[in-house]
Amino acid sequence: MADLGLSSRPVGERLLALPRRPPWWLSILALYAGSRVVSTGVLLHFASRQQANAWTTAQPEYLEFARLWDGTWYWIIAAGGYPDAIPRDEAGLATENAFAFMPVYPFVVRGVMVLTGLPFAPTAVAVSVLAGAVAALLFHRLVRTWLDEREALLATALLCLAPVSPILQVAYAEALHLALLLGALLLVVRRRYAPLAVIVTIMALTRPSGLAFAFGLALLLAWRWCRDHRALEPFPMRERIELAAVTVIAGLAGLAWPGLVALLTGDLTGYIDTELAWRRPYIGPVELVPFTAWWQGAQWWLGDAVGPVVLVVVLAAAAASFALPQMRRMPVALRCWIVAYAVYLLAVFFPQSSTFRLLLPLAPVLGAIGAGALAVRPRWLRAALVMLLLAASVAGQLGWVHIAWWVDGADWTPP
C-alpha cells in the first residue's frame, strides 16, 4: 500500500480529515439567512403595534405588512398593468400613478403568480428574498476583487444587516435591482462588456439607474483613455469600442421607460410629470430643474439658513472620503459608479425618506468601511469597532422601519 502512495487509514477517517471549511457561497447564504431572521423580527415588532390604516388591518400578519406603500402600486401593476393615460387633476398636473414604477419587478412577480397560483404578497416577498440572496452572493464576489476574505465577509455582513436591509424582504423592487446592479458592476470590473449590455438594459427597467450607469461608464472610459494616453495602462481599440458601445446602450436603456410611457400614453412628458407628483406636497408644483431639488429640500427640511450649510458640509465630507486609503484601494470602475450615482441623485431626486433606500446602490462603499474597521489596531479595539458597526446596523433597521415603514399617524413620508 505504501508503495502505491495510498493511505492505510479507513475511508471514514480520511473523510473526517478533509477540510471542514464550508464553501464561500454557503457561508454567505447562511449569513444572509441569519440577517433575514433579524429583519423579520424587526418588521414583526412594528407589525404587532400597527394600527388599522388605509393599507393594512390592525396588527397585520407579515405578508400584509410587507405589502405597504409602493408594494400596493406593484400589486396594481401585477394585477392589471398600467393605465391608458396619465391621470391629471383639474389644473392639468399629473397625479400619483403606476407609471412611476418600472415594469420588470411587477411583471416577474406576475409571471411567478401565474406559474404557482400564489397571490401577490407571498410571491412578491419570495421574489425579493431570493433576489436579495443573489445580491449578497454577488456583493461578496464583487468586494473580493479588492478585499481579503475577512474584509469581504464583514462588508457582506454590513450589507445584509444595513439599516435599509428590510427592503430586501418586502414587495419592493430594490432587491431585484440590487442583484442586477451588483452583477453589472462585477462584469465591469472583469471587463466583460457583451453580457453587461443585457444586464444593464433589464436593470434600467427595474429601477431608475440606466443614465447613472451610463455616466459611470463614461467616466471609466475617460479614465482608461487618459491612462493609455499617458502610457500607464493599455486600452486596446477593441475594448474601447466595446466599452463605448455599452455606455451608449446603458444611456438608451435609461431613456427607455420615459420613452415607453410617452409612446403608450401619447403624453411626451408623462413620466417626468408623474415623478414630480411625489414631491408636490413638499414644495408645490415645480418643473424638473437638475441639481435644484436637494437645495430646495435642504431649505424645506432644515430652514433657509441651516439647510444649505448642512448640505454643503455633507457633500464636502462625501467628496473628501475618496482620499481615504480604503476608498483608494477600490477598483476605479466602482469609484466611477459611486460618483456617477451620487451625481445622478443630486441631479434628479428630491430628498425625503425614500432617499435612505435610494442610497442602497452605493453598497460598494461598505467594502471600504469593512476594510477600515479591520485595519484598526489593537485587536480589542478592532473587535469593539466591528461589534459597534453591526449593532448600529441593527439599530438602524429599527430606526428606518420606525420613521419610514410602519404607519403611525405621524409619518415622515413613505419609504
Protein backbone atom coordinates (compact mmCIF):
# COMPACT_ATOMS: atom_id res chain seq x y z
CA MET A 1 0.00 0.00 0.00
CA ALA A 2 2.78 2.42 0.91
CA ASP A 3 4.49 1.78 -2.40
CA LEU A 4 1.33 2.79 -4.23
CA GLY A 5 1.08 6.07 -2.26
CA LEU A 6 -2.26 5.08 -0.73
CA SER A 7 -3.23 5.70 2.87
CA SER A 8 -3.98 2.73 5.10
CA ARG A 9 -6.45 4.75 7.21
CA PRO A 10 -10.13 3.80 6.96
CA VAL A 11 -12.19 5.73 4.43
CA GLY A 12 -14.34 7.30 7.16
CA GLU A 13 -11.28 8.60 8.97
CA ARG A 14 -9.88 10.09 5.78
CA LEU A 15 -13.20 11.82 5.06
CA LEU A 16 -13.24 13.31 8.56
CA ALA A 17 -9.73 14.60 7.93
CA LEU A 18 -10.84 16.62 4.91
CA PRO A 19 -11.03 20.43 5.33
CA ARG A 20 -14.23 21.32 7.12
CA ARG A 21 -14.47 24.90 5.99
CA PRO A 22 -17.75 25.38 4.11
CA PRO A 23 -17.71 26.78 0.58
CA TRP A 24 -17.83 30.57 0.39
CA TRP A 25 -21.33 30.66 -1.06
CA LEU A 26 -22.74 28.55 1.76
CA SER A 27 -21.23 30.90 4.33
CA ILE A 28 -22.75 33.92 2.58
CA LEU A 29 -26.17 32.30 2.29
CA ALA A 30 -26.05 31.40 5.99
CA LEU A 31 -25.13 34.99 6.80
CA TYR A 32 -27.97 36.26 4.61
CA ALA A 33 -30.46 33.85 6.20
CA GLY A 34 -29.44 34.97 9.68
CA SER A 35 -29.82 38.61 8.70
CA ARG A 36 -33.32 37.90 7.36
CA VAL A 37 -34.26 36.46 10.75
CA VAL A 38 -33.15 39.73 12.36
CA SER A 39 -35.03 41.91 9.85
CA THR A 40 -38.13 39.72 10.12
CA GLY A 41 -38.08 40.24 13.87
CA VAL A 42 -37.82 43.99 13.39
CA LEU A 43 -40.73 44.07 10.95
CA LEU A 44 -42.90 41.81 13.12
CA HIS A 45 -42.20 44.01 16.14
CA PHE A 46 -43.68 47.00 14.34
CA ALA A 47 -46.47 44.95 12.77
CA SER A 48 -47.60 43.93 16.26
CA ARG A 49 -48.01 47.63 17.11
CA GLN A 50 -49.56 48.65 13.80
CA GLN A 51 -52.98 50.27 13.96
CA ALA A 52 -55.57 49.90 11.20
CA ASN A 53 -54.85 52.18 8.24
CA ALA A 54 -55.54 52.59 4.53
CA TRP A 55 -53.17 49.71 3.63
CA THR A 56 -53.47 47.15 6.44
CA THR A 57 -55.67 45.93 9.23
CA ALA A 58 -54.61 46.37 12.85
CA GLN A 59 -51.69 44.11 13.83
CA PRO A 60 -51.35 42.68 10.32
CA GLU A 61 -49.64 39.42 9.50
CA TYR A 62 -46.19 39.65 7.99
CA LEU A 63 -47.19 39.39 4.33
CA GLU A 64 -49.81 42.11 4.68
CA PHE A 65 -47.32 44.34 6.46
CA ALA A 66 -44.71 43.67 3.76
CA ARG A 67 -47.07 44.97 1.07
CA LEU A 68 -47.25 48.53 2.35
CA TRP A 69 -46.65 51.74 0.37
CA ASP A 70 -45.15 51.15 -3.09
CA GLY A 71 -45.95 47.47 -2.69
CA THR A 72 -49.57 48.41 -3.37
CA TRP A 73 -48.56 50.05 -6.64
CA TYR A 74 -46.63 46.94 -7.68
CA TRP A 75 -49.70 44.89 -6.78
CA ILE A 76 -51.86 47.08 -9.03
CA ILE A 77 -49.39 46.68 -11.91
CA ALA A 78 -49.03 42.92 -11.43
CA ALA A 79 -52.81 42.50 -11.34
CA GLY A 80 -53.92 44.88 -14.07
CA GLY A 81 -50.98 46.51 -15.78
CA TYR A 82 -50.62 50.23 -16.43
CA PRO A 83 -53.32 52.84 -17.15
CA ASP A 84 -54.04 54.02 -20.68
CA ALA A 85 -53.28 57.65 -19.88
CA ILE A 86 -51.51 59.81 -17.31
CA PRO A 87 -54.14 60.84 -14.75
CA ARG A 88 -54.20 64.60 -14.26
CA ASP A 89 -56.06 66.95 -11.93
CA GLU A 90 -58.17 69.97 -12.87
CA ALA A 91 -55.03 72.09 -13.18
CA GLY A 92 -53.54 69.62 -15.65
CA LEU A 93 -50.92 68.35 -13.19
CA ALA A 94 -50.13 64.63 -13.18
CA THR A 95 -51.28 62.79 -10.08
CA GLU A 96 -49.55 59.80 -8.49
CA ASN A 97 -49.92 56.78 -10.75
CA ALA A 98 -48.43 53.40 -11.66
CA PHE A 99 -46.13 54.77 -14.37
CA ALA A 100 -43.71 55.90 -11.65
CA PHE A 101 -42.84 52.21 -11.16
CA MET A 102 -40.88 50.31 -13.77
CA PRO A 103 -42.18 47.01 -15.16
CA VAL A 104 -39.55 44.29 -14.59
CA TYR A 105 -40.27 43.54 -10.92
CA PRO A 106 -44.10 43.51 -11.08
CA PHE A 107 -44.05 41.50 -14.31
CA VAL A 108 -41.63 38.95 -12.83
CA VAL A 109 -43.93 38.68 -9.82
CA ARG A 110 -46.92 38.32 -12.15
CA GLY A 111 -45.17 35.54 -14.04
CA VAL A 112 -44.45 33.62 -10.84
CA MET A 113 -48.05 34.16 -9.70
CA VAL A 114 -49.31 32.59 -12.93
CA LEU A 115 -46.90 29.65 -12.64
CA THR A 116 -47.57 28.92 -8.97
CA GLY A 117 -51.12 30.12 -8.42
CA LEU A 118 -49.97 32.08 -5.37
CA PRO A 119 -51.38 35.55 -4.56
CA PHE A 120 -49.33 38.71 -4.89
CA ALA A 121 -47.95 39.24 -1.38
CA PRO A 122 -46.19 35.88 -0.81
CA THR A 123 -44.95 35.87 -4.40
CA ALA A 124 -43.57 39.39 -4.23
CA VAL A 125 -41.84 38.74 -0.91
CA ALA A 126 -40.39 35.44 -2.19
CA VAL A 127 -39.01 37.13 -5.32
CA SER A 128 -37.43 39.86 -3.19
CA VAL A 129 -35.91 37.42 -0.68
CA LEU A 130 -34.41 35.25 -3.42
CA ALA A 131 -33.11 38.29 -5.28
CA GLY A 132 -31.60 39.54 -2.02
CA ALA A 133 -29.76 36.24 -1.61
CA VAL A 134 -28.34 36.59 -5.12
CA ALA A 135 -27.36 40.17 -4.31
CA ALA A 136 -25.48 39.03 -1.19
CA LEU A 137 -23.56 36.42 -3.20
CA LEU A 138 -22.70 38.88 -5.96
CA PHE A 139 -21.71 41.55 -3.47
CA HIS A 140 -19.25 39.18 -1.82
CA ARG A 141 -17.75 38.30 -5.20
CA LEU A 142 -17.52 41.99 -6.07
CA VAL A 143 -15.74 43.12 -2.91
CA ARG A 144 -13.42 40.10 -3.09
CA THR A 145 -11.93 41.68 -6.20
CA TRP A 146 -10.03 44.03 -3.90
CA LEU A 147 -10.54 42.86 -0.30
CA ASP A 148 -9.27 39.82 1.55
CA GLU A 149 -11.73 37.20 2.85
CA ARG A 150 -12.18 38.70 6.32
CA GLU A 151 -12.79 42.18 4.94
CA ALA A 152 -15.21 40.86 2.30
CA LEU A 153 -17.15 38.88 4.90
CA LEU A 154 -17.53 41.91 7.16
CA ALA A 155 -18.59 44.09 4.24
CA THR A 156 -21.21 41.50 3.26
CA ALA A 157 -22.47 41.35 6.83
CA LEU A 158 -22.82 45.14 6.82
CA LEU A 159 -24.86 44.93 3.62
CA CYS A 160 -27.12 42.16 4.92
CA LEU A 161 -27.73 43.99 8.20
CA ALA A 162 -27.81 47.52 6.77
CA PRO A 163 -30.44 49.91 8.19
CA VAL A 164 -32.49 49.67 4.97
CA SER A 165 -31.98 45.89 4.55
CA PRO A 166 -35.63 45.07 5.48
CA ILE A 167 -36.36 46.38 1.97
CA LEU A 168 -34.84 43.11 0.71
CA GLN A 169 -37.82 41.13 2.00
CA VAL A 170 -40.85 43.25 1.18
CA ALA A 171 -42.84 43.88 -2.01
CA TYR A 172 -40.36 46.40 -3.41
CA ALA A 173 -38.09 46.20 -6.49
CA GLU A 174 -34.91 47.12 -4.58
CA ALA A 175 -33.65 43.56 -4.01
CA LEU A 176 -34.00 42.59 -7.66
CA HIS A 177 -32.44 45.85 -8.78
CA LEU A 178 -29.53 45.44 -6.35
CA ALA A 179 -28.80 41.93 -7.65
CA LEU A 180 -28.79 43.20 -11.25
CA LEU A 181 -26.64 46.20 -10.34
CA LEU A 182 -24.04 44.16 -8.47
CA GLY A 183 -23.91 41.67 -11.33
CA ALA A 184 -23.40 44.56 -13.75
CA LEU A 185 -20.63 46.09 -11.62
CA LEU A 186 -18.89 42.72 -11.38
CA LEU A 187 -18.96 42.45 -15.18
CA VAL A 188 -17.49 45.96 -15.48
CA VAL A 189 -14.66 45.13 -13.09
CA ARG A 190 -13.95 41.95 -15.06
CA ARG A 191 -14.27 43.85 -18.35
CA ARG A 192 -16.94 41.57 -19.80
CA TYR A 193 -18.96 44.07 -21.78
CA ALA A 194 -21.15 41.87 -24.02
CA PRO A 195 -23.29 40.33 -21.22
CA LEU A 196 -23.18 43.69 -19.44
CA ALA A 197 -25.34 45.26 -22.16
CA VAL A 198 -28.14 42.76 -21.44
CA ILE A 199 -27.96 43.09 -17.65
CA VAL A 200 -27.93 46.89 -17.75
CA THR A 201 -30.98 47.02 -20.00
CA ILE A 202 -33.00 44.83 -17.62
CA MET A 203 -31.68 46.76 -14.62
CA ALA A 204 -32.69 50.11 -16.13
CA LEU A 205 -36.26 48.84 -16.47
CA THR A 206 -36.34 47.67 -12.85
CA ARG A 207 -35.33 50.88 -11.06
CA PRO A 208 -34.15 54.24 -12.47
CA SER A 209 -30.42 53.69 -12.92
CA GLY A 210 -29.57 53.44 -16.60
CA LEU A 211 -28.48 57.05 -17.02
CA ALA A 212 -26.35 56.92 -13.87
CA PHE A 213 -24.72 53.70 -15.07
CA ALA A 214 -24.03 55.24 -18.47
CA PHE A 215 -22.42 58.22 -16.76
CA GLY A 216 -20.27 55.90 -14.65
CA LEU A 217 -19.14 54.01 -17.76
CA ALA A 218 -18.36 57.30 -19.48
CA LEU A 219 -16.17 58.30 -16.54
CA LEU A 220 -14.41 54.94 -16.71
CA LEU A 221 -13.95 55.31 -20.46
CA ALA A 222 -12.32 58.71 -19.96
CA TRP A 223 -10.12 57.34 -17.17
CA ARG A 224 -8.94 54.39 -19.24
CA TRP A 225 -8.27 56.64 -22.23
CA CYS A 226 -6.19 59.05 -20.14
CA ARG A 227 -4.22 56.18 -18.61
CA ASP A 228 -3.49 54.83 -22.07
CA HIS A 229 -2.55 58.27 -23.38
CA ARG A 230 -0.03 58.62 -20.55
CA ALA A 231 1.32 55.10 -21.21
CA LEU A 232 0.24 53.93 -17.73
CA GLU A 233 -2.18 51.19 -18.79
CA PRO A 234 -3.02 49.82 -22.26
CA PHE A 235 -6.54 50.39 -23.55
CA PRO A 236 -6.88 48.25 -26.69
CA MET A 237 -9.07 49.53 -29.51
CA ARG A 238 -11.45 46.57 -29.26
CA GLU A 239 -12.04 47.27 -25.57
CA ARG A 240 -12.55 50.96 -26.31
CA ILE A 241 -15.26 50.12 -28.82
CA GLU A 242 -16.95 47.62 -26.50
CA LEU A 243 -16.95 49.99 -23.53
CA ALA A 244 -18.18 52.90 -25.65
CA ALA A 245 -20.94 50.73 -27.13
CA VAL A 246 -22.23 49.52 -23.75
CA THR A 247 -22.10 53.11 -22.48
CA VAL A 248 -24.46 54.15 -25.27
CA ILE A 249 -26.69 51.12 -24.63
CA ALA A 250 -26.90 51.98 -20.92
CA GLY A 251 -27.86 55.56 -21.78
CA LEU A 252 -30.58 54.40 -24.17
CA ALA A 253 -31.83 51.93 -21.56
CA GLY A 254 -32.05 54.80 -19.08
CA LEU A 255 -34.29 56.67 -21.50
CA ALA A 256 -36.34 53.62 -22.46
CA TRP A 257 -39.03 53.82 -19.77
CA PRO A 258 -39.79 57.54 -20.19
CA GLY A 259 -39.96 56.85 -23.93
CA LEU A 260 -42.26 53.87 -23.47
CA VAL A 261 -44.55 55.88 -21.20
CA ALA A 262 -44.74 58.60 -23.85
CA LEU A 263 -45.48 56.00 -26.53
CA LEU A 264 -48.14 54.18 -24.51
CA THR A 265 -49.96 57.29 -23.34
CA GLY A 266 -49.24 59.82 -26.08
CA ASP A 267 -48.01 62.12 -23.31
CA LEU A 268 -44.44 63.20 -24.06
CA THR A 269 -43.61 64.34 -20.52
CA GLY A 270 -45.85 61.84 -18.75
CA TYR A 271 -43.12 60.03 -16.83
CA ILE A 272 -41.34 63.15 -15.57
CA ASP A 273 -44.67 64.75 -14.65
CA THR A 274 -45.59 61.61 -12.74
CA GLU A 275 -42.34 61.65 -10.78
CA LEU A 276 -42.85 65.32 -9.91
CA ALA A 277 -46.25 64.45 -8.41
CA TRP A 278 -44.49 62.83 -5.44
CA ARG A 279 -42.62 66.00 -4.46
CA ARG A 280 -45.54 68.38 -4.96
CA PRO A 281 -46.79 68.01 -1.33
CA TYR A 282 -43.45 69.45 -0.17
CA ILE A 283 -42.54 72.28 -2.49
CA GLY A 284 -45.61 72.66 -4.68
CA PRO A 285 -45.83 72.38 -8.46
CA VAL A 286 -42.34 72.83 -9.94
CA GLU A 287 -40.51 71.93 -13.12
CA LEU A 288 -37.65 69.44 -13.11
CA VAL A 289 -34.54 71.61 -12.98
CA PRO A 290 -31.43 69.45 -12.46
CA PHE A 291 -29.45 69.96 -9.23
CA THR A 292 -32.02 72.20 -7.59
CA ALA A 293 -34.09 69.64 -5.65
CA TRP A 294 -31.52 68.97 -2.92
CA TRP A 295 -31.04 72.69 -2.28
CA GLN A 296 -34.83 73.10 -2.11
CA GLY A 297 -35.10 70.04 0.10
CA ALA A 298 -32.40 71.26 2.49
CA GLN A 299 -34.24 74.55 2.88
CA TRP A 300 -37.60 72.78 3.29
CA TRP A 301 -36.37 70.35 5.97
CA LEU A 302 -33.82 72.46 7.87
CA GLY A 303 -34.58 76.08 7.03
CA ASP A 304 -33.18 78.63 4.61
CA ALA A 305 -30.06 79.30 6.68
CA VAL A 306 -29.11 75.95 8.20
CA GLY A 307 -30.21 73.65 5.37
CA PRO A 308 -27.76 74.77 2.66
CA VAL A 309 -24.88 74.78 5.15
CA VAL A 310 -25.60 71.20 6.23
CA LEU A 311 -25.91 70.13 2.59
CA VAL A 312 -22.55 71.66 1.66
CA VAL A 313 -20.83 70.06 4.67
CA VAL A 314 -22.25 66.63 3.86
CA LEU A 315 -21.24 66.87 0.21
CA ALA A 316 -17.75 68.07 1.14
CA ALA A 317 -17.31 65.17 3.57
CA ALA A 318 -18.50 62.69 0.94
CA ALA A 319 -16.05 64.08 -1.61
CA ALA A 320 -13.19 64.03 0.92
CA SER A 321 -13.85 60.35 1.69
CA PHE A 322 -12.39 59.41 -1.69
CA ALA A 323 -8.97 60.36 -0.35
CA LEU A 324 -9.13 57.67 2.34
CA PRO A 325 -6.80 54.68 1.76
CA GLN A 326 -9.71 52.23 1.89
CA MET A 327 -11.54 54.09 -0.87
CA ARG A 328 -8.39 54.37 -2.98
CA ARG A 329 -7.99 50.58 -2.82
CA MET A 330 -11.37 50.18 -4.50
CA PRO A 331 -11.29 49.44 -8.25
CA VAL A 332 -11.63 52.63 -10.23
CA ALA A 333 -14.70 51.26 -12.04
CA LEU A 334 -16.57 51.13 -8.73
CA ARG A 335 -15.43 54.61 -7.74
CA CYS A 336 -16.73 55.85 -11.09
CA TRP A 337 -20.09 54.25 -10.32
CA ILE A 338 -20.26 55.79 -6.85
CA VAL A 339 -19.52 59.27 -8.22
CA ALA A 340 -21.95 58.85 -11.11
CA TYR A 341 -24.83 57.60 -8.98
CA ALA A 342 -24.30 60.29 -6.35
CA VAL A 343 -24.35 62.97 -9.05
CA TYR A 344 -27.48 61.39 -10.52
CA LEU A 345 -29.26 61.52 -7.17
CA LEU A 346 -28.24 65.15 -6.73
CA ALA A 347 -29.48 65.97 -10.22
CA VAL A 348 -32.96 64.48 -10.22
CA PHE A 349 -34.22 63.35 -6.78
CA PHE A 350 -35.88 65.34 -4.03
CA PRO A 351 -34.55 64.35 -0.58
CA GLN A 352 -37.13 62.69 1.67
CA SER A 353 -37.37 59.39 3.50
CA SER A 354 -37.13 57.38 0.27
CA THR A 355 -33.60 58.71 -0.03
CA PHE A 356 -32.41 56.16 2.54
CA ARG A 357 -33.27 53.21 0.31
CA LEU A 358 -32.06 55.12 -2.74
CA LEU A 359 -28.58 55.01 -1.18
CA LEU A 360 -28.54 51.20 -1.39
CA PRO A 361 -26.84 51.18 -4.83
CA LEU A 362 -23.83 52.83 -3.15
CA ALA A 363 -23.25 49.48 -1.39
CA PRO A 364 -19.62 49.12 -2.60
CA VAL A 365 -18.75 51.81 -0.04
CA LEU A 366 -19.39 49.17 2.62
CA GLY A 367 -16.28 47.41 1.34
CA ALA A 368 -14.20 50.43 2.29
CA ILE A 369 -15.93 50.64 5.68
CA GLY A 370 -15.25 46.98 6.37
CA ALA A 371 -11.61 47.30 5.35
CA GLY A 372 -11.20 50.39 7.51
CA ALA A 373 -12.69 48.68 10.56
CA LEU A 374 -10.37 45.68 10.25
CA ALA A 375 -7.33 47.92 9.85
CA VAL A 376 -7.78 49.31 13.38
CA ARG A 377 -5.22 48.37 16.00
CA PRO A 378 -5.02 46.99 18.69
CA ARG A 379 -7.10 43.82 18.34
CA TRP A 380 -9.53 44.60 21.17
CA LEU A 381 -10.35 47.97 19.65
CA ARG A 382 -10.86 46.38 16.24
CA ALA A 383 -13.24 43.81 17.71
CA ALA A 384 -15.14 46.51 19.57
CA LEU A 385 -15.47 48.60 16.39
CA VAL A 386 -16.77 45.65 14.38
CA MET A 387 -19.36 44.86 17.04
CA LEU A 388 -20.35 48.52 17.16
CA LEU A 389 -20.85 48.63 13.38
CA LEU A 390 -23.03 45.52 13.41
CA ALA A 391 -25.05 46.71 16.41
CA ALA A 392 -25.50 50.14 14.81
CA SER A 393 -26.75 48.47 11.64
CA VAL A 394 -29.45 46.55 13.53
CA ALA A 395 -30.38 49.67 15.50
CA GLY A 396 -30.59 51.48 12.17
CA GLN A 397 -33.15 48.95 10.98
CA LEU A 398 -35.34 49.79 13.96
CA GLY A 399 -34.95 53.47 13.16
CA TRP A 400 -35.66 53.06 9.45
CA VAL A 401 -38.79 50.95 9.95
CA HIS A 402 -39.98 53.38 12.61
CA ILE A 403 -39.68 56.56 10.52
CA ALA A 404 -40.29 55.16 7.06
CA TRP A 405 -42.28 51.92 7.01
CA TRP A 406 -44.99 51.46 9.62
CA VAL A 407 -47.99 53.81 9.63
CA ASP A 408 -48.16 55.61 12.98
CA GLY A 409 -50.31 58.61 12.10
CA ALA A 410 -47.34 60.97 12.08
CA ASP A 411 -45.30 59.51 9.25
CA TRP A 412 -42.43 61.42 7.79
CA THR A 413 -43.09 60.10 4.29
CA PRO A 414 -43.45 56.69 2.67
CA PRO A 415 -40.13 54.81 2.25
